[in-house]
Full PDB file with SEQRES, HELIX, SHEET, SSBOND, CRYST1, ORIGX, SCALE, CONECT and MASTER records, all heavy atoms in Angstrom:
SEQRES   1 A   36  LYS TYR TYR GLY MET LEU ASN ILE GLY SER GLY GLN PRO          
SEQRES   2 A   36  ILE PHE ARG GLU ALA SER ASP ASP TYR PRO TYR LYS PRO          
SEQRES   3 A   36  GLY ASN HIS THR ASP ILE TRP GLU PRO LEU                      
CRYST1    1.000    1.000    1.000  90.00  90.00  90.00 P 1           1          
ORIGX1      1.000000  0.000000  0.000000        0.00000                         
ORIGX2      0.000000  1.000000  0.000000        0.00000                         
ORIGX3      0.000000  0.000000  1.000000        0.00000                         
SCALE1      1.000000  0.000000  0.000000        0.00000                         
SCALE2      0.000000  1.000000  0.000000        0.00000                         
SCALE3      0.000000  0.000000  1.000000        0.00000                         
ATOM      1  N   LYS A   1      14.935 -14.641  -9.075  1.00  0.00           N  
ATOM      2  CA  LYS A   1      13.655 -15.347  -9.011  1.00  0.00           C  
ATOM      3  C   LYS A   1      12.567 -14.468  -9.639  1.00  0.00           C  
ATOM      4  O   LYS A   1      12.714 -13.249  -9.736  1.00  0.00           O  
ATOM      5  CB  LYS A   1      13.268 -15.653  -7.563  1.00  0.00           C  
ATOM      6  CG  LYS A   1      14.131 -16.680  -6.869  1.00  0.00           C  
ATOM      7  CD  LYS A   1      13.615 -16.938  -5.456  1.00  0.00           C  
ATOM      8  CE  LYS A   1      14.459 -17.997  -4.747  1.00  0.00           C  
ATOM      9  NZ  LYS A   1      13.951 -18.260  -3.378  1.00  0.00           N  
ATOM     10  N   TYR A   2      11.479 -15.114 -10.023  1.00  0.00           N  
ATOM     11  CA  TYR A   2      10.326 -14.365 -10.514  1.00  0.00           C  
ATOM     12  C   TYR A   2       9.433 -13.983  -9.342  1.00  0.00           C  
ATOM     13  O   TYR A   2       9.278 -14.738  -8.369  1.00  0.00           O  
ATOM     14  CB  TYR A   2       9.544 -15.203 -11.526  1.00  0.00           C  
ATOM     15  CG  TYR A   2      10.216 -15.274 -12.874  1.00  0.00           C  
ATOM     16  CD1 TYR A   2      10.974 -16.381 -13.236  1.00  0.00           C  
ATOM     17  CD2 TYR A   2      10.105 -14.225 -13.778  1.00  0.00           C  
ATOM     18  CE1 TYR A   2      11.611 -16.449 -14.465  1.00  0.00           C  
ATOM     19  CE2 TYR A   2      10.735 -14.279 -15.020  1.00  0.00           C  
ATOM     20  CZ  TYR A   2      11.485 -15.390 -15.352  1.00  0.00           C  
ATOM     21  OH  TYR A   2      12.115 -15.445 -16.565  1.00  0.00           O  
ATOM     22  N   TYR A   3       8.821 -12.800  -9.474  1.00  0.00           N  
ATOM     23  CA  TYR A   3       7.933 -12.322  -8.415  1.00  0.00           C  
ATOM     24  C   TYR A   3       6.654 -13.172  -8.351  1.00  0.00           C  
ATOM     25  O   TYR A   3       6.214 -13.726  -9.352  1.00  0.00           O  
ATOM     26  CB  TYR A   3       7.539 -10.869  -8.664  1.00  0.00           C  
ATOM     27  CG  TYR A   3       8.677  -9.879  -8.511  1.00  0.00           C  
ATOM     28  CD1 TYR A   3       9.165  -9.174  -9.609  1.00  0.00           C  
ATOM     29  CD2 TYR A   3       9.252  -9.642  -7.260  1.00  0.00           C  
ATOM     30  CE1 TYR A   3      10.199  -8.256  -9.476  1.00  0.00           C  
ATOM     31  CE2 TYR A   3      10.293  -8.729  -7.126  1.00  0.00           C  
ATOM     32  CZ  TYR A   3      10.762  -8.042  -8.230  1.00  0.00           C  
ATOM     33  OH  TYR A   3      11.787  -7.140  -8.097  1.00  0.00           O  
ATOM     34  N   GLY A   4       6.073 -13.207  -7.176  1.00  0.00           N  
ATOM     35  CA  GLY A   4       4.810 -13.909  -7.017  1.00  0.00           C  
ATOM     36  C   GLY A   4       3.637 -13.105  -7.540  1.00  0.00           C  
ATOM     37  O   GLY A   4       2.722 -13.657  -8.157  1.00  0.00           O  
ATOM     38  N   MET A   5       3.648 -11.773  -7.299  1.00  0.00           N  
ATOM     39  CA  MET A   5       2.535 -10.909  -7.696  1.00  0.00           C  
ATOM     40  C   MET A   5       3.065  -9.584  -8.239  1.00  0.00           C  
ATOM     41  O   MET A   5       4.057  -9.058  -7.737  1.00  0.00           O  
ATOM     42  CB  MET A   5       1.616 -10.634  -6.497  1.00  0.00           C  
ATOM     43  CG  MET A   5       0.943 -11.867  -5.917  1.00  0.00           C  
ATOM     44  SD  MET A   5      -0.118 -11.488  -4.484  1.00  0.00           S  
ATOM     45  CE  MET A   5       1.137 -11.230  -3.215  1.00  0.00           C  
ATOM     46  N   LEU A   6       2.374  -9.081  -9.262  1.00  0.00           N  
ATOM     47  CA  LEU A   6       2.681  -7.768  -9.823  1.00  0.00           C  
ATOM     48  C   LEU A   6       1.420  -6.921  -9.845  1.00  0.00           C  
ATOM     49  O   LEU A   6       0.308  -7.434 -10.072  1.00  0.00           O  
ATOM     50  CB  LEU A   6       3.206  -7.884 -11.249  1.00  0.00           C  
ATOM     51  CG  LEU A   6       4.475  -8.684 -11.505  1.00  0.00           C  
ATOM     52  CD1 LEU A   6       4.719  -8.789 -13.013  1.00  0.00           C  
ATOM     53  CD2 LEU A   6       5.669  -8.055 -10.809  1.00  0.00           C  
ATOM     54  N   ASN A   7       1.567  -5.630  -9.638  1.00  0.00           N  
ATOM     55  CA  ASN A   7       0.454  -4.699  -9.803  1.00  0.00           C  
ATOM     56  C   ASN A   7       0.271  -4.431 -11.293  1.00  0.00           C  
ATOM     57  O   ASN A   7       1.227  -4.053 -11.979  1.00  0.00           O  
ATOM     58  CB  ASN A   7       0.749  -3.391  -9.059  1.00  0.00           C  
ATOM     59  CG  ASN A   7      -0.390  -2.396  -9.175  1.00  0.00           C  
ATOM     60  OD1 ASN A   7      -0.568  -1.761 -10.211  1.00  0.00           O  
ATOM     61  ND2 ASN A   7      -1.153  -2.272  -8.113  1.00  0.00           N  
ATOM     62  N   ILE A   8      -0.929  -4.632 -11.810  1.00  0.00           N  
ATOM     63  CA  ILE A   8      -1.118  -4.522 -13.258  1.00  0.00           C  
ATOM     64  C   ILE A   8      -0.981  -3.091 -13.753  1.00  0.00           C  
ATOM     65  O   ILE A   8      -0.646  -2.860 -14.921  1.00  0.00           O  
ATOM     66  CB  ILE A   8      -2.477  -5.100 -13.713  1.00  0.00           C  
ATOM     67  CG1 ILE A   8      -3.648  -4.300 -13.139  1.00  0.00           C  
ATOM     68  CG2 ILE A   8      -2.594  -6.569 -13.349  1.00  0.00           C  
ATOM     69  CD1 ILE A   8      -4.971  -4.623 -13.803  1.00  0.00           C  
ATOM     70  N   GLY A   9      -1.213  -2.094 -12.896  1.00  0.00           N  
ATOM     71  CA  GLY A   9      -1.137  -0.707 -13.330  1.00  0.00           C  
ATOM     72  C   GLY A   9       0.273  -0.163 -13.410  1.00  0.00           C  
ATOM     73  O   GLY A   9       0.584   0.679 -14.251  1.00  0.00           O  
ATOM     74  N   SER A  10       1.154  -0.673 -12.547  1.00  0.00           N  
ATOM     75  CA  SER A  10       2.511  -0.145 -12.490  1.00  0.00           C  
ATOM     76  C   SER A  10       3.573  -1.160 -12.892  1.00  0.00           C  
ATOM     77  O   SER A  10       4.700  -0.780 -13.240  1.00  0.00           O  
ATOM     78  CB  SER A  10       2.819   0.332 -11.066  1.00  0.00           C  
ATOM     79  OG  SER A  10       2.839  -0.779 -10.164  1.00  0.00           O  
ATOM     80  N   GLY A  11       3.234  -2.449 -12.815  1.00  0.00           N  
ATOM     81  CA  GLY A  11       4.219  -3.490 -13.064  1.00  0.00           C  
ATOM     82  C   GLY A  11       5.130  -3.744 -11.869  1.00  0.00           C  
ATOM     83  O   GLY A  11       6.016  -4.597 -11.932  1.00  0.00           O  
ATOM     84  N   GLN A  12       4.901  -3.031 -10.780  1.00  0.00           N  
ATOM     85  CA  GLN A  12       5.728  -3.180  -9.597  1.00  0.00           C  
ATOM     86  C   GLN A  12       5.332  -4.437  -8.812  1.00  0.00           C  
ATOM     87  O   GLN A  12       4.158  -4.828  -8.794  1.00  0.00           O  
ATOM     88  CB  GLN A  12       5.600  -1.962  -8.689  1.00  0.00           C  
ATOM     89  CG  GLN A  12       6.186  -0.686  -9.292  1.00  0.00           C  
ATOM     90  CD  GLN A  12       7.676  -0.834  -9.565  1.00  0.00           C  
ATOM     91  OE1 GLN A  12       8.461  -1.144  -8.665  1.00  0.00           O  
ATOM     92  NE2 GLN A  12       8.063  -0.601 -10.815  1.00  0.00           N  
ATOM     93  N   PRO A  13       6.308  -5.075  -8.150  1.00  0.00           N  
ATOM     94  CA  PRO A  13       5.972  -6.253  -7.352  1.00  0.00           C  
ATOM     95  C   PRO A  13       5.098  -5.892  -6.161  1.00  0.00           C  
ATOM     96  O   PRO A  13       5.209  -4.786  -5.608  1.00  0.00           O  
ATOM     97  CB  PRO A  13       7.341  -6.762  -6.903  1.00  0.00           C  
ATOM     98  CG  PRO A  13       8.239  -5.577  -6.946  1.00  0.00           C  
ATOM     99  CD  PRO A  13       7.751  -4.757  -8.108  1.00  0.00           C  
ATOM    100  N   ILE A  14       4.244  -6.823  -5.794  1.00  0.00           N  
ATOM    101  CA  ILE A  14       3.421  -6.682  -4.599  1.00  0.00           C  
ATOM    102  C   ILE A  14       3.971  -7.633  -3.543  1.00  0.00           C  
ATOM    103  O   ILE A  14       4.052  -8.836  -3.776  1.00  0.00           O  
ATOM    104  CB  ILE A  14       1.946  -7.026  -4.888  1.00  0.00           C  
ATOM    105  CG1 ILE A  14       1.382  -6.074  -5.949  1.00  0.00           C  
ATOM    106  CG2 ILE A  14       1.114  -6.976  -3.617  1.00  0.00           C  
ATOM    107  CD1 ILE A  14      -0.018  -6.449  -6.419  1.00  0.00           C  
ATOM    108  N   PHE A  15       4.354  -7.078  -2.409  1.00  0.00           N  
ATOM    109  CA  PHE A  15       4.882  -7.899  -1.326  1.00  0.00           C  
ATOM    110  C   PHE A  15       3.841  -8.034  -0.221  1.00  0.00           C  
ATOM    111  O   PHE A  15       3.168  -7.057   0.126  1.00  0.00           O  
ATOM    112  CB  PHE A  15       6.175  -7.298  -0.771  1.00  0.00           C  
ATOM    113  CG  PHE A  15       7.295  -7.246  -1.774  1.00  0.00           C  
ATOM    114  CD1 PHE A  15       7.844  -6.039  -2.179  1.00  0.00           C  
ATOM    115  CD2 PHE A  15       7.794  -8.421  -2.316  1.00  0.00           C  
ATOM    116  CE1 PHE A  15       8.875  -6.002  -3.102  1.00  0.00           C  
ATOM    117  CE2 PHE A  15       8.837  -8.388  -3.255  1.00  0.00           C  
ATOM    118  CZ  PHE A  15       9.370  -7.178  -3.638  1.00  0.00           C  
ATOM    119  N   ARG A  16       3.735  -9.215   0.314  1.00  0.00           N  
ATOM    120  CA  ARG A  16       2.739  -9.483   1.336  1.00  0.00           C  
ATOM    121  C   ARG A  16       3.143  -8.855   2.667  1.00  0.00           C  
ATOM    122  O   ARG A  16       4.304  -8.910   3.064  1.00  0.00           O  
ATOM    123  CB  ARG A  16       2.554 -10.985   1.512  1.00  0.00           C  
ATOM    124  CG  ARG A  16       2.042 -11.661   0.252  1.00  0.00           C  
ATOM    125  CD  ARG A  16       1.783 -13.131   0.452  1.00  0.00           C  
ATOM    126  NE  ARG A  16       0.685 -13.374   1.385  1.00  0.00           N  
ATOM    127  CZ  ARG A  16      -0.076 -14.460   1.367  1.00  0.00           C  
ATOM    128  NH1 ARG A  16       0.138 -15.411   0.469  1.00  0.00           N  
ATOM    129  NH2 ARG A  16      -1.037 -14.615   2.238  1.00  0.00           N  
ATOM    130  N   GLU A  17       2.127  -8.290   3.344  1.00  0.00           N  
ATOM    131  CA  GLU A  17       2.353  -7.776   4.681  1.00  0.00           C  
ATOM    132  C   GLU A  17       2.545  -8.945   5.645  1.00  0.00           C  
ATOM    133  O   GLU A  17       2.034 -10.044   5.426  1.00  0.00           O  
ATOM    134  CB  GLU A  17       1.155  -6.929   5.123  1.00  0.00           C  
ATOM    135  CG  GLU A  17       0.862  -5.733   4.239  1.00  0.00           C  
ATOM    136  CD  GLU A  17       1.904  -4.638   4.386  1.00  0.00           C  
ATOM    137  OE1 GLU A  17       2.608  -4.628   5.419  1.00  0.00           O  
ATOM    138  OE2 GLU A  17       2.017  -3.801   3.467  1.00  0.00           O  
ATOM    139  N   ALA A  18       3.272  -8.689   6.728  1.00  0.00           N  
ATOM    140  CA  ALA A  18       3.502  -9.741   7.721  1.00  0.00           C  
ATOM    141  C   ALA A  18       2.186 -10.258   8.295  1.00  0.00           C  
ATOM    142  O   ALA A  18       2.074 -11.431   8.679  1.00  0.00           O  
ATOM    143  CB  ALA A  18       4.396  -9.205   8.835  1.00  0.00           C  
ATOM    144  N   SER A  19       1.183  -9.411   8.342  1.00  0.00           N  
ATOM    145  CA  SER A  19      -0.117  -9.780   8.912  1.00  0.00           C  
ATOM    146  C   SER A  19      -1.034 -10.473   7.904  1.00  0.00           C  
ATOM    147  O   SER A  19      -2.121 -10.925   8.273  1.00  0.00           O  
ATOM    148  CB  SER A  19      -0.819  -8.541   9.459  1.00  0.00           C  
ATOM    149  OG  SER A  19      -1.014  -7.587   8.413  1.00  0.00           O  
ATOM    150  N   ASP A  20      -0.601 -10.539   6.653  1.00  0.00           N  
ATOM    151  CA  ASP A  20      -1.450 -11.120   5.602  1.00  0.00           C  
ATOM    152  C   ASP A  20      -1.334 -12.643   5.633  1.00  0.00           C  
ATOM    153  O   ASP A  20      -0.360 -13.217   5.146  1.00  0.00           O  
ATOM    154  CB  ASP A  20      -1.014 -10.587   4.232  1.00  0.00           C  
ATOM    155  CG  ASP A  20      -1.894 -11.085   3.093  1.00  0.00           C  
ATOM    156  OD1 ASP A  20      -2.848 -11.843   3.358  1.00  0.00           O  
ATOM    157  OD2 ASP A  20      -1.620 -10.711   1.935  1.00  0.00           O  
ATOM    158  N   ASP A  21      -2.355 -13.294   6.187  1.00  0.00           N  
ATOM    159  CA  ASP A  21      -2.338 -14.754   6.273  1.00  0.00           C  
ATOM    160  C   ASP A  21      -3.331 -15.404   5.310  1.00  0.00           C  
ATOM    161  O   ASP A  21      -3.665 -16.578   5.453  1.00  0.00           O  
ATOM    162  CB  ASP A  21      -2.627 -15.212   7.705  1.00  0.00           C  
ATOM    163  CG  ASP A  21      -3.993 -14.737   8.198  1.00  0.00           C  
ATOM    164  OD1 ASP A  21      -4.664 -13.984   7.464  1.00  0.00           O  
ATOM    165  OD2 ASP A  21      -4.385 -15.112   9.327  1.00  0.00           O  
ATOM    166  N   TYR A  22      -3.819 -14.635   4.327  1.00  0.00           N  
ATOM    167  CA  TYR A  22      -4.730 -15.200   3.335  1.00  0.00           C  
ATOM    168  C   TYR A  22      -3.996 -16.272   2.539  1.00  0.00           C  
ATOM    169  O   TYR A  22      -2.952 -15.993   1.933  1.00  0.00           O  
ATOM    170  CB  TYR A  22      -5.243 -14.103   2.404  1.00  0.00           C  
ATOM    171  CG  TYR A  22      -6.254 -14.579   1.386  1.00  0.00           C  
ATOM    172  CD1 TYR A  22      -7.552 -14.919   1.763  1.00  0.00           C  
ATOM    173  CD2 TYR A  22      -5.920 -14.684   0.040  1.00  0.00           C  
ATOM    174  CE1 TYR A  22      -8.486 -15.344   0.841  1.00  0.00           C  
ATOM    175  CE2 TYR A  22      -6.852 -15.116  -0.901  1.00  0.00           C  
ATOM    176  CZ  TYR A  22      -8.119 -15.439  -0.492  1.00  0.00           C  
ATOM    177  OH  TYR A  22      -9.049 -15.881  -1.414  1.00  0.00           O  
ATOM    178  N   PRO A  23      -4.488 -17.513   2.519  1.00  0.00           N  
ATOM    179  CA  PRO A  23      -3.689 -18.605   1.956  1.00  0.00           C  
ATOM    180  C   PRO A  23      -3.703 -18.718   0.440  1.00  0.00           C  
ATOM    181  O   PRO A  23      -2.791 -19.314  -0.139  1.00  0.00           O  
ATOM    182  CB  PRO A  23      -4.331 -19.852   2.583  1.00  0.00           C  
ATOM    183  CG  PRO A  23      -5.760 -19.461   2.806  1.00  0.00           C  
ATOM    184  CD  PRO A  23      -5.728 -17.996   3.158  1.00  0.00           C  
ATOM    185  N   TYR A  24      -4.727 -18.145  -0.215  1.00  0.00           N  
ATOM    186  CA  TYR A  24      -4.941 -18.453  -1.626  1.00  0.00           C  
ATOM    187  C   TYR A  24      -4.345 -17.416  -2.575  1.00  0.00           C  
ATOM    188  O   TYR A  24      -5.000 -16.942  -3.510  1.00  0.00           O  
ATOM    189  CB  TYR A  24      -6.433 -18.635  -1.898  1.00  0.00           C  
ATOM    190  CG  TYR A  24      -7.063 -19.696  -1.024  1.00  0.00           C  
ATOM    191  CD1 TYR A  24      -8.122 -19.396  -0.173  1.00  0.00           C  
ATOM    192  CD2 TYR A  24      -6.581 -21.006  -1.034  1.00  0.00           C  
ATOM    193  CE1 TYR A  24      -8.688 -20.372   0.634  1.00  0.00           C  
ATOM    194  CE2 TYR A  24      -7.143 -21.985  -0.236  1.00  0.00           C  
ATOM    195  CZ  TYR A  24      -8.195 -21.655   0.604  1.00  0.00           C  
ATOM    196  OH  TYR A  24      -8.747 -22.636   1.407  1.00  0.00           O  
ATOM    197  N   LYS A  25      -3.113 -17.031  -2.326  1.00  0.00           N  
ATOM    198  CA  LYS A  25      -2.366 -16.192  -3.257  1.00  0.00           C  
ATOM    199  C   LYS A  25      -0.884 -16.453  -3.051  1.00  0.00           C  
ATOM    200  O   LYS A  25      -0.480 -16.972  -2.004  1.00  0.00           O  
ATOM    201  CB  LYS A  25      -2.715 -14.710  -3.079  1.00  0.00           C  
ATOM    202  CG  LYS A  25      -2.392 -14.110  -1.727  1.00  0.00           C  
ATOM    203  CD  LYS A  25      -2.835 -12.641  -1.711  1.00  0.00           C  
ATOM    204  CE  LYS A  25      -2.575 -11.985  -0.364  1.00  0.00           C  
ATOM    205  NZ  LYS A  25      -3.049 -10.574  -0.335  1.00  0.00           N  
ATOM    206  N   PRO A  26      -0.049 -16.099  -4.041  1.00  0.00           N  
ATOM    207  CA  PRO A  26       1.375 -16.441  -3.949  1.00  0.00           C  
ATOM    208  C   PRO A  26       2.101 -15.646  -2.870  1.00  0.00           C  
ATOM    209  O   PRO A  26       1.611 -14.637  -2.355  1.00  0.00           O  
ATOM    210  CB  PRO A  26       1.910 -16.087  -5.340  1.00  0.00           C  
ATOM    211  CG  PRO A  26       0.716 -15.922  -6.208  1.00  0.00           C  
ATOM    212  CD  PRO A  26      -0.392 -15.483  -5.322  1.00  0.00           C  
ATOM    213  N   GLY A  27       3.311 -16.109  -2.593  1.00  0.00           N  
ATOM    214  CA  GLY A  27       4.204 -15.348  -1.737  1.00  0.00           C  
ATOM    215  C   GLY A  27       4.903 -14.267  -2.531  1.00  0.00           C  
ATOM    216  O   GLY A  27       4.518 -13.939  -3.663  1.00  0.00           O  
ATOM    217  N   ASN A  28       5.963 -13.703  -1.961  1.00  0.00           N  
ATOM    218  CA  ASN A  28       6.663 -12.592  -2.617  1.00  0.00           C  
ATOM    219  C   ASN A  28       7.344 -13.014  -3.916  1.00  0.00           C  
ATOM    220  O   ASN A  28       7.502 -12.211  -4.838  1.00  0.00           O  
ATOM    221  CB  ASN A  28       7.688 -11.991  -1.667  1.00  0.00           C  
ATOM    222  CG  ASN A  28       7.024 -11.276  -0.491  1.00  0.00           C  
ATOM    223  OD1 ASN A  28       5.845 -10.947  -0.541  1.00  0.00           O  
ATOM    224  ND2 ASN A  28       7.781 -11.065   0.574  1.00  0.00           N  
ATOM    225  N   HIS A  29       7.764 -14.269  -3.981  1.00  0.00           N  
ATOM    226  CA  HIS A  29       8.359 -14.822  -5.201  1.00  0.00           C  
ATOM    227  C   HIS A  29       7.665 -16.142  -5.515  1.00  0.00           C  
ATOM    228  O   HIS A  29       7.219 -16.855  -4.612  1.00  0.00           O  
ATOM    229  CB  HIS A  29       9.861 -15.026  -5.041  1.00  0.00           C  
ATOM    230  CG  HIS A  29      10.623 -13.744  -4.883  1.00  0.00           C  
ATOM    231  ND1 HIS A  29      10.878 -13.194  -3.655  1.00  0.00           N  
ATOM    232  CD2 HIS A  29      11.161 -12.904  -5.808  1.00  0.00           C  
ATOM    233  CE1 HIS A  29      11.545 -12.060  -3.820  1.00  0.00           C  
ATOM    234  NE2 HIS A  29      11.737 -11.859  -5.116  1.00  0.00           N  
ATOM    235  N   THR A  30       7.559 -16.428  -6.789  1.00  0.00           N  
ATOM    236  CA  THR A  30       6.866 -17.649  -7.179  1.00  0.00           C  
ATOM    237  C   THR A  30       7.640 -18.871  -6.700  1.00  0.00           C  
ATOM    238  O   THR A  30       8.867 -18.888  -6.690  1.00  0.00           O  
ATOM    239  CB  THR A  30       6.664 -17.702  -8.704  1.00  0.00           C  
ATOM    240  OG1 THR A  30       5.801 -18.792  -9.035  1.00  0.00           O  
ATOM    241  CG2 THR A  30       7.970 -17.846  -9.432  1.00  0.00           C  
ATOM    242  N   ASP A  31       6.898 -19.874  -6.267  1.00  0.00           N  
ATOM    243  CA  ASP A  31       7.482 -21.059  -5.656  1.00  0.00           C  
ATOM    244  C   ASP A  31       7.163 -22.276  -6.515  1.00  0.00           C  
ATOM    245  O   ASP A  31       6.000 -22.666  -6.662  1.00  0.00           O  
ATOM    246  CB  ASP A  31       6.909 -21.239  -4.247  1.00  0.00           C  
ATOM    247  CG  ASP A  31       7.523 -22.411  -3.496  1.00  0.00           C  
ATOM    248  OD1 ASP A  31       8.350 -23.131  -4.081  1.00  0.00           O  
ATOM    249  OD2 ASP A  31       7.153 -22.605  -2.322  1.00  0.00           O  
ATOM    250  N   ILE A  32       8.197 -22.882  -7.087  1.00  0.00           N  
ATOM    251  CA  ILE A  32       8.020 -24.055  -7.947  1.00  0.00           C  
ATOM    252  C   ILE A  32       7.394 -25.216  -7.195  1.00  0.00           C  
ATOM    253  O   ILE A  32       6.648 -26.017  -7.768  1.00  0.00           O  
ATOM    254  CB  ILE A  32       9.389 -24.477  -8.534  1.00  0.00           C  
ATOM    255  CG1 ILE A  32       9.885 -23.396  -9.498  1.00  0.00           C  
ATOM    256  CG2 ILE A  32       9.312 -25.832  -9.231  1.00  0.00           C  
ATOM    257  CD1 ILE A  32      11.334 -23.558  -9.891  1.00  0.00           C  
ATOM    258  N   TRP A  33       7.651 -25.301  -5.892  1.00  0.00           N  
ATOM    259  CA  TRP A  33       7.199 -26.447  -5.099  1.00  0.00           C  
ATOM    260  C   TRP A  33       6.005 -26.110  -4.208  1.00  0.00           C  
ATOM    261  O   TRP A  33       5.687 -26.875  -3.300  1.00  0.00           O  
ATOM    262  CB  TRP A  33       8.356 -26.974  -4.244  1.00  0.00           C  
ATOM    263  CG  TRP A  33       9.593 -27.194  -5.041  1.00  0.00           C  
ATOM    264  CD1 TRP A  33      10.750 -26.484  -4.981  1.00  0.00           C  
ATOM    265  CD2 TRP A  33       9.803 -28.181  -6.062  1.00  0.00           C  
ATOM    266  NE1 TRP A  33      11.669 -26.953  -5.882  1.00  0.00           N  
ATOM    267  CE2 TRP A  33      11.123 -28.003  -6.560  1.00  0.00           C  
ATOM    268  CE3 TRP A  33       9.017 -29.204  -6.600  1.00  0.00           C  
ATOM    269  CZ2 TRP A  33      11.658 -28.809  -7.578  1.00  0.00           C  
ATOM    270  CZ3 TRP A  33       9.550 -30.000  -7.610  1.00  0.00           C  
ATOM    271  CH2 TRP A  33      10.846 -29.802  -8.085  1.00  0.00           C  
ATOM    272  N   GLU A  34       5.349 -24.981  -4.438  1.00  0.00           N  
ATOM    273  CA  GLU A  34       4.185 -24.591  -3.633  1.00  0.00           C  
ATOM    274  C   GLU A  34       3.145 -25.715  -3.603  1.00  0.00           C  
ATOM    275  O   GLU A  34       2.657 -26.146  -4.643  1.00  0.00           O  
ATOM    276  CB  GLU A  34       3.553 -23.324  -4.222  1.00  0.00           C  
ATOM    277  CG  GLU A  34       2.178 -22.983  -3.702  1.00  0.00           C  
ATOM    278  CD  GLU A  34       2.155 -22.731  -2.207  1.00  0.00           C  
ATOM    279  OE1 GLU A  34       3.016 -21.970  -1.727  1.00  0.00           O  
ATOM    280  OE2 GLU A  34       1.284 -23.307  -1.533  1.00  0.00           O  
ATOM    281  N   PRO A  35       2.767 -26.203  -2.423  1.00  0.00           N  
ATOM    282  CA  PRO A  35       1.831 -27.328  -2.362  1.00  0.00           C  
ATOM    283  C   PRO A  35       0.375 -26.954  -2.653  1.00  0.00           C  
ATOM    284  O   PRO A  35      -0.343 -27.708  -3.299  1.00  0.00           O  
ATOM    285  CB  PRO A  35       1.962 -27.829  -0.914  1.00  0.00           C  
ATOM    286  CG  PRO A  35       3.186 -27.178  -0.367  1.00  0.00           C  
ATOM    287  CD  PRO A  35       3.341 -25.904  -1.120  1.00  0.00           C  
ATOM    288  N   LEU A  36      -0.075 -25.803  -2.168  1.00  0.00           N  
ATOM    289  CA  LEU A  36      -1.512 -25.548  -2.096  1.00  0.00           C  
ATOM    290  C   LEU A  36      -2.116 -25.088  -3.417  1.00  0.00           C  
ATOM    291  O   LEU A  36      -1.565 -24.239  -4.105  1.00  0.00           O  
ATOM    292  CB  LEU A  36      -1.795 -24.487  -1.021  1.00  0.00           C  
ATOM    293  CG  LEU A  36      -3.271 -24.171  -0.749  1.00  0.00           C  
ATOM    294  CD1 LEU A  36      -4.006 -25.391  -0.206  1.00  0.00           C  
ATOM    295  CD2 LEU A  36      -3.396 -22.995   0.211  1.00  0.00           C  
TER     296      LEU A  36                                                      
MASTER        0    0    0    0    0    0    0    6  295    1    0    3          
END                                                                             
C-alpha cells in the first residue's frame, strides 16, 4: 500500500499516534474509500 503521510525532509513515513484524533489528515496508509 502507499503511505498516507511522508516527512518531506527524510522521505520517511509518518505514523499517527494512538492519541491523535485530528480528523483532517490521512491515516498511516492512503485509503481509496476514505469518506471525509
